[in-house]
Amino acid sequence: MSEIILLKALSGLITLGLFLFFFYGPWQAYVTDVTRQRLFELRDKLFDYALDHPEFKACVASGQIRELLNSMIRFAHEIDVVHFTAMITYLATGDRKVILLRAAGNVDNVIKSIPEAFRDDVRQIVKDAHVVILWHFYRRSLFLITATLVLVLPTIVLLVMMASTGNMVRIITRKFGKFVNALAYEDSRSHRRIVNC
């Protein structure tokens, strides 16, 4: 009897070990590769858009948005729950919060500096990049995936009960997007590729 229990426990530990190896090994690499590929596609979409609209290509903001996307591609492998929590904790205190808010404001100013004829199209590309990063963040977190599985039924019931679900998603995406913009902008500034607006 105790041998069967021991074998089941050993089998469970081996299965858990294999799952954790897969999740923190190949799965992380796969998610990062897929995210980067999608961000490359968005950057290519921006390139194509600039080729189709020479007035936009001549705009300084065109290069700045491209560098923003390049920064997102560059730090995609670093963003996970641990890094995100550490960055929020570090950046949300004192003067660093002001710097972060200023960087997010600078990205908003870059988008606002784009001629109005192109602004909505470029803003959509940046929003799509935010969704890609948000989805990347989620898929790399065992905690978030587990929490989703545990809370999926109550969450579905809550979402069905809420009439403004679409507004909630837009609000969350916008807030997360501002933070991603700020980080990417600061990364770009540190590489001296973006001129302040």
C-alpha atoms as a PDB file:
ATOM      1  CA  MET A   1       0.000   0.000   0.000  1.00  0.00           C
ATOM      2  CA  SER A   2       2.680   2.527   0.940  1.00  0.00           C
ATOM      3  CA  GLU A   3       4.723   1.562  -2.148  1.00  0.00           C
ATOM      4  CA  ILE A   4       1.804   2.514  -4.407  1.00  0.00           C
ATOM      5  CA  ILE A   5       1.443   5.872  -2.666  1.00  0.00           C
ATOM      6  CA  LEU A   6       5.190   6.437  -2.950  1.00  0.00           C
ATOM      7  CA  LEU A   7       5.135   5.594  -6.679  1.00  0.00           C
ATOM      8  CA  LYS A   8       2.196   7.955  -7.240  1.00  0.00           C
ATOM      9  CA  ALA A   9       3.996  10.719  -5.362  1.00  0.00           C
ATOM     10  CA  LEU A  10       7.184  10.100  -7.366  1.00  0.00           C
ATOM     11  CA  SER A  11       5.185  10.080 -10.596  1.00  0.00           C
ATOM     12  CA  GLY A  12       3.521  13.341  -9.610  1.00  0.00           C
ATOM     13  CA  LEU A  13       6.868  14.968  -8.784  1.00  0.00           C
ATOM     14  CA  ILE A  14       8.362  13.825 -12.093  1.00  0.00           C
ATOM     15  CA  THR A  15       5.326  15.168 -13.966  1.00  0.00           C
ATOM     16  CA  LEU A  16       5.531  18.484 -12.101  1.00  0.00           C
ATOM     17  CA  GLY A  17       9.254  18.681 -12.805  1.00  0.00           C
ATOM     18  CA  LEU A  18       8.710  18.037 -16.512  1.00  0.00           C
ATOM     19  CA  PHE A  19       5.948  20.644 -16.613  1.00  0.00           C
ATOM     20  CA  LEU A  20       8.124  23.266 -14.903  1.00  0.00           C
ATOM     21  CA  PHE A  21      11.057  22.408 -17.183  1.00  0.00           C
ATOM     22  CA  PHE A  22       8.815  22.841 -20.231  1.00  0.00           C
ATOM     23  CA  PHE A  23       7.209  26.043 -18.937  1.00  0.00           C
ATOM     24  CA  TYR A  24      10.444  27.763 -17.910  1.00  0.00           C
ATOM     25  CA  GLY A  25      12.468  26.406 -20.832  1.00  0.00           C
ATOM     26  CA  PRO A  26      11.011  25.933 -24.290  1.00  0.00           C
ATOM     27  CA  TRP A  27       7.719  27.701 -23.551  1.00  0.00           C
ATOM     28  CA  GLN A  28       9.427  30.940 -22.468  1.00  0.00           C
ATOM     29  CA  ALA A  29      11.615  30.930 -25.578  1.00  0.00           C
ATOM     30  CA  TYR A  30       8.613  30.216 -27.787  1.00  0.00           C
ATOM     31  CA  VAL A  31       6.522  33.022 -26.288  1.00  0.00           C
ATOM     32  CA  THR A  32       9.393  35.488 -26.645  1.00  0.00           C
ATOM     33  CA  ASP A  33      10.005  34.451 -30.260  1.00  0.00           C
ATOM     34  CA  VAL A  34       6.321  34.766 -31.154  1.00  0.00           C
ATOM     35  CA  THR A  35       6.111  38.168 -29.472  1.00  0.00           C
ATOM     36  CA  ARG A  36       9.183  39.460 -31.246  1.00  0.00           C
ATOM     37  CA  GLN A  37       7.890  38.135 -34.555  1.00  0.00           C
ATOM     38  CA  ARG A  38       4.592  39.947 -34.061  1.00  0.00           C
ATOM     39  CA  LEU A  39       6.407  43.154 -33.089  1.00  0.00           C
ATOM     40  CA  PHE A  40       8.627  42.812 -36.179  1.00  0.00           C
ATOM     41  CA  GLU A  41       5.449  42.506 -38.252  1.00  0.00           C
ATOM     42  CA  LEU A  42       4.065  45.680 -36.678  1.00  0.00           C
ATOM     43  CA  ARG A  43       7.340  47.484 -37.311  1.00  0.00           C
ATOM     44  CA  ASP A  44       7.241  46.291 -40.937  1.00  0.00           C
ATOM     45  CA  LYS A  45       3.672  47.569 -41.147  1.00  0.00           C
ATOM     46  CA  LEU A  46       4.976  50.945 -39.975  1.00  0.00           C
ATOM     47  CA  PHE A  47       7.755  50.802 -42.617  1.00  0.00           C
ATOM     48  CA  ASP A  48       5.221  49.989 -45.324  1.00  0.00           C
ATOM     49  CA  TYR A  49       2.985  52.767 -44.110  1.00  0.00           C
ATOM     50  CA  ALA A  50       5.897  55.211 -44.261  1.00  0.00           C
ATOM     51  CA  LEU A  51       6.710  54.083 -47.817  1.00  0.00           C
ATOM     52  CA  ASP A  52       3.099  54.604 -48.871  1.00  0.00           C
ATOM     53  CA  HIS A  53       2.961  58.036 -47.193  1.00  0.00           C
ATOM     54  CA  PRO A  54       6.169  60.034 -47.833  1.00  0.00           C
ATOM     55  CA  GLU A  55       4.860  62.936 -45.721  1.00  0.00           C
ATOM     56  CA  PHE A  56       4.740  60.612 -42.710  1.00  0.00           C
ATOM     57  CA  LYS A  57       8.195  59.207 -43.491  1.00  0.00           C
ATOM     58  CA  ALA A  58       9.611  62.744 -43.489  1.00  0.00           C
ATOM     59  CA  CYS A  59       8.122  63.358 -40.047  1.00  0.00           C
ATOM     60  CA  VAL A  60      10.526  63.060 -37.096  1.00  0.00           C
ATOM     61  CA  ALA A  61       7.878  61.089 -35.214  1.00  0.00           C
ATOM     62  CA  SER A  62       8.149  58.299 -37.782  1.00  0.00           C
ATOM     63  CA  GLY A  63      11.657  57.464 -36.606  1.00  0.00           C
ATOM     64  CA  GLN A  64      10.677  57.875 -32.993  1.00  0.00           C
ATOM     65  CA  ILE A  65       7.783  55.419 -33.266  1.00  0.00           C
ATOM     66  CA  ARG A  66      10.073  52.989 -35.086  1.00  0.00           C
ATOM     67  CA  GLU A  67      12.590  53.253 -32.233  1.00  0.00           C
ATOM     68  CA  LEU A  68       9.763  52.722 -29.745  1.00  0.00           C
ATOM     69  CA  LEU A  69       8.886  49.448 -31.492  1.00  0.00           C
ATOM     70  CA  ASN A  70      12.583  48.506 -31.639  1.00  0.00           C
ATOM     71  CA  SER A  71      12.821  49.016 -27.876  1.00  0.00           C
ATOM     72  CA  MET A  72       9.797  46.798 -27.324  1.00  0.00           C
ATOM     73  CA  ILE A  73      11.463  44.120 -29.450  1.00  0.00           C
ATOM     74  CA  ARG A  74      14.722  44.567 -27.554  1.00  0.00           C
ATOM     75  CA  PHE A  75      13.286  44.148 -24.065  1.00  0.00           C
ATOM     76  CA  ALA A  76      10.629  41.514 -24.873  1.00  0.00           C
ATOM     77  CA  HIS A  77      12.746  38.746 -23.339  1.00  0.00           C
ATOM     78  CA  GLU A  78      12.983  40.643 -20.047  1.00  0.00           C
ATOM     79  CA  ILE A  79       9.333  41.366 -19.339  1.00  0.00           C
ATOM     80  CA  ASP A  80       7.709  38.944 -16.929  1.00  0.00           C
ATOM     81  CA  VAL A  81       5.856  39.248 -13.626  1.00  0.00           C
ATOM     82  CA  VAL A  82       9.004  39.461 -11.492  1.00  0.00           C
ATOM     83  CA  HIS A  83      10.680  42.144 -13.632  1.00  0.00           C
ATOM     84  CA  PHE A  84       7.427  44.034 -14.098  1.00  0.00           C
ATOM     85  CA  THR A  85       6.696  44.069 -10.354  1.00  0.00           C
ATOM     86  CA  ALA A  86      10.260  45.143  -9.573  1.00  0.00           C
ATOM     87  CA  MET A  87      10.130  47.928 -12.183  1.00  0.00           C
ATOM     88  CA  ILE A  88       6.760  49.199 -10.938  1.00  0.00           C
ATOM     89  CA  THR A  89       7.969  49.174  -7.344  1.00  0.00           C
ATOM     90  CA  TYR A  90      11.222  50.920  -8.248  1.00  0.00           C
ATOM     91  CA  LEU A  91       9.737  53.448 -10.661  1.00  0.00           C
ATOM     92  CA  ALA A  92       6.637  54.317  -8.647  1.00  0.00           C
ATOM     93  CA  THR A  93       8.588  56.002  -5.860  1.00  0.00           C
ATOM     94  CA  GLY A  94       9.721  59.587  -5.537  1.00  0.00           C
ATOM     95  CA  ASP A  95      11.378  61.356  -8.446  1.00  0.00           C
ATOM     96  CA  ARG A  96      11.413  58.217 -10.579  1.00  0.00           C
ATOM     97  CA  LYS A  97       7.613  58.355 -10.802  1.00  0.00           C
ATOM     98  CA  VAL A  98       7.851  61.849 -12.270  1.00  0.00           C
ATOM     99  CA  ILE A  99      10.448  60.642 -14.799  1.00  0.00           C
ATOM    100  CA  LEU A 100       8.229  57.709 -15.762  1.00  0.00           C
ATOM    101  CA  LEU A 101       5.176  59.941 -16.188  1.00  0.00           C
ATOM    102  CA  ARG A 102       7.229  62.425 -18.222  1.00  0.00           C
ATOM    103  CA  ALA A 103       8.460  59.617 -20.500  1.00  0.00           C
ATOM    104  CA  ALA A 104       4.891  58.382 -21.017  1.00  0.00           C
ATOM    105  CA  GLY A 105       3.857  61.965 -21.766  1.00  0.00           C
ATOM    106  CA  ASN A 106       6.699  62.310 -24.270  1.00  0.00           C
ATOM    107  CA  VAL A 107       5.456  59.269 -26.168  1.00  0.00           C
ATOM    108  CA  ASP A 108       1.952  60.760 -26.205  1.00  0.00           C
ATOM    109  CA  ASN A 109       3.454  64.000 -27.512  1.00  0.00           C
ATOM    110  CA  VAL A 110       5.307  62.106 -30.243  1.00  0.00           C
ATOM    111  CA  ILE A 111       2.038  60.542 -31.380  1.00  0.00           C
ATOM    112  CA  LYS A 112       0.273  63.916 -31.194  1.00  0.00           C
ATOM    113  CA  SER A 113       3.044  65.481 -33.296  1.00  0.00           C
ATOM    114  CA  ILE A 114       2.200  63.164 -36.189  1.00  0.00           C
ATOM    115  CA  PRO A 115       0.153  64.916 -38.869  1.00  0.00           C
ATOM    116  CA  GLU A 116      -3.525  64.304 -38.251  1.00  0.00           C
ATOM    117  CA  ALA A 117      -4.004  62.397 -41.503  1.00  0.00           C
ATOM    118  CA  PHE A 118      -1.694  59.631 -40.238  1.00  0.00           C
ATOM    119  CA  ARG A 119      -2.184  59.818 -36.475  1.00  0.00           C
ATOM    120  CA  ASP A 120      -4.996  57.270 -36.090  1.00  0.00           C
ATOM    121  CA  ASP A 121      -3.250  54.663 -38.238  1.00  0.00           C
ATOM    122  CA  VAL A 122       0.022  55.029 -36.334  1.00  0.00           C
ATOM    123  CA  ARG A 123      -1.767  55.101 -32.990  1.00  0.00           C
ATOM    124  CA  GLN A 124      -3.428  51.792 -33.939  1.00  0.00           C
ATOM    125  CA  ILE A 125      -0.031  50.230 -34.673  1.00  0.00           C
ATOM    126  CA  VAL A 126       1.233  51.359 -31.250  1.00  0.00           C
ATOM    127  CA  LYS A 127      -1.924  50.022 -29.559  1.00  0.00           C
ATOM    128  CA  ASP A 128      -1.466  46.700 -31.347  1.00  0.00           C
ATOM    129  CA  ALA A 129       2.089  46.590 -29.993  1.00  0.00           C
ATOM    130  CA  HIS A 130       0.727  47.181 -26.477  1.00  0.00           C
ATOM    131  CA  VAL A 131      -1.683  44.277 -26.856  1.00  0.00           C
ATOM    132  CA  VAL A 132       1.157  42.043 -28.089  1.00  0.00           C
ATOM    133  CA  ILE A 133       3.312  42.975 -25.064  1.00  0.00           C
ATOM    134  CA  LEU A 134       0.384  42.523 -22.666  1.00  0.00           C
ATOM    135  CA  TRP A 135      -0.399  39.085 -24.098  1.00  0.00           C
ATOM    136  CA  HIS A 136       3.336  38.217 -23.912  1.00  0.00           C
ATOM    137  CA  PHE A 137       3.429  39.281 -20.272  1.00  0.00           C
ATOM    138  CA  TYR A 138       0.449  37.081 -19.497  1.00  0.00           C
ATOM    139  CA  ARG A 139       1.711  33.960 -21.306  1.00  0.00           C
ATOM    140  CA  ARG A 140       5.091  34.100 -19.549  1.00  0.00           C
ATOM    141  CA  SER A 141       3.531  34.129 -16.071  1.00  0.00           C
ATOM    142  CA  LEU A 142       2.712  30.807 -14.458  1.00  0.00           C
ATOM    143  CA  PHE A 143       1.046  32.760 -11.667  1.00  0.00           C
ATOM    144  CA  LEU A 144      -1.305  34.630 -14.037  1.00  0.00           C
ATOM    145  CA  ILE A 145      -2.152  31.516 -16.020  1.00  0.00           C
ATOM    146  CA  THR A 146      -2.887  29.576 -12.822  1.00  0.00           C
ATOM    147  CA  ALA A 147      -4.898  32.445 -11.381  1.00  0.00           C
ATOM    148  CA  THR A 148      -6.906  32.593 -14.593  1.00  0.00           C
ATOM    149  CA  LEU A 149      -7.670  28.902 -14.420  1.00  0.00           C
ATOM    150  CA  VAL A 150      -8.692  29.131 -10.779  1.00  0.00           C
ATOM    151  CA  LEU A 151     -10.715  32.300 -11.280  1.00  0.00           C
ATOM    152  CA  VAL A 152     -12.048  31.660 -14.782  1.00  0.00           C
ATOM    153  CA  LEU A 153     -15.605  30.813 -13.774  1.00  0.00           C
ATOM    154  CA  PRO A 154     -16.071  33.761 -11.383  1.00  0.00           C
ATOM    155  CA  THR A 155     -14.407  36.024 -13.941  1.00  0.00           C
ATOM    156  CA  ILE A 156     -16.764  34.913 -16.716  1.00  0.00           C
ATOM    157  CA  VAL A 157     -19.761  35.466 -14.459  1.00  0.00           C
ATOM    158  CA  LEU A 158     -18.444  38.910 -13.513  1.00  0.00           C
ATOM    159  CA  LEU A 159     -17.773  39.876 -17.133  1.00  0.00           C
ATOM    160  CA  VAL A 160     -21.229  38.758 -18.200  1.00  0.00           C
ATOM    161  CA  MET A 161     -22.730  40.839 -15.424  1.00  0.00           C
ATOM    162  CA  MET A 162     -20.758  43.940 -16.407  1.00  0.00           C
ATOM    163  CA  ALA A 163     -22.177  45.864 -19.338  1.00  0.00           C
ATOM    164  CA  SER A 164     -19.014  47.855 -20.021  1.00  0.00           C
ATOM    165  CA  THR A 165     -16.579  44.965 -20.503  1.00  0.00           C
ATOM    166  CA  GLY A 166     -15.167  46.516 -23.657  1.00  0.00           C
ATOM    167  CA  ASN A 167     -14.478  49.754 -21.793  1.00  0.00           C
ATOM    168  CA  MET A 168     -12.630  47.853 -19.036  1.00  0.00           C
ATOM    169  CA  VAL A 169     -10.367  46.132 -21.570  1.00  0.00           C
ATOM    170  CA  ARG A 170      -9.638  49.456 -23.289  1.00  0.00           C
ATOM    171  CA  ILE A 171      -8.828  51.120 -19.949  1.00  0.00           C
ATOM    172  CA  ILE A 172      -6.475  48.309 -18.884  1.00  0.00           C
ATOM    173  CA  THR A 173      -4.786  48.243 -22.296  1.00  0.00           C
ATOM    174  CA  ARG A 174      -4.370  52.023 -22.301  1.00  0.00           C
ATOM    175  CA  LYS A 175      -2.850  52.099 -18.781  1.00  0.00           C
ATOM    176  CA  PHE A 176      -0.521  49.207 -19.545  1.00  0.00           C
ATOM    177  CA  GLY A 177       0.340  50.806 -22.885  1.00  0.00           C
ATOM    178  CA  LYS A 178       1.430  54.048 -21.235  1.00  0.00           C
ATOM    179  CA  PHE A 179       3.780  52.121 -18.980  1.00  0.00           C
ATOM    180  CA  VAL A 180       5.228  50.123 -21.904  1.00  0.00           C
ATOM    181  CA  ASN A 181       5.649  53.349 -23.890  1.00  0.00           C
ATOM    182  CA  ALA A 182       7.500  54.966 -21.017  1.00  0.00           C
ATOM    183  CA  LEU A 183       9.880  52.034 -20.610  1.00  0.00           C
ATOM    184  CA  ALA A 184      10.535  51.801 -24.332  1.00  0.00           C
ATOM    185  CA  TYR A 185      11.024  55.565 -24.567  1.00  0.00           C
ATOM    186  CA  GLU A 186      13.529  55.570 -21.715  1.00  0.00           C
ATOM    187  CA  ASP A 187      15.354  52.633 -23.312  1.00  0.00           C
ATOM    188  CA  SER A 188      15.466  54.502 -26.622  1.00  0.00           C
ATOM    189  CA  ARG A 189      16.694  57.663 -24.948  1.00  0.00           C
ATOM    190  CA  SER A 190      19.452  55.722 -23.266  1.00  0.00           C
ATOM    191  CA  HIS A 191      20.540  54.593 -26.728  1.00  0.00           C
ATOM    192  CA  ARG A 192      20.322  58.240 -27.865  1.00  0.00           C
ATOM    193  CA  ARG A 193      18.042  57.416 -30.768  1.00  0.00           C
ATOM    194  CA  ILE A 194      15.018  59.544 -29.909  1.00  0.00           C
ATOM    195  CA  VAL A 195      15.154  63.289 -29.731  1.00  0.00           C
ATOM    196  CA  ASN A 196      12.985  64.900 -27.082  1.00  0.00           C
ATOM    197  CA  CYS A 197       9.822  66.529 -28.395  1.00  0.00           C
END
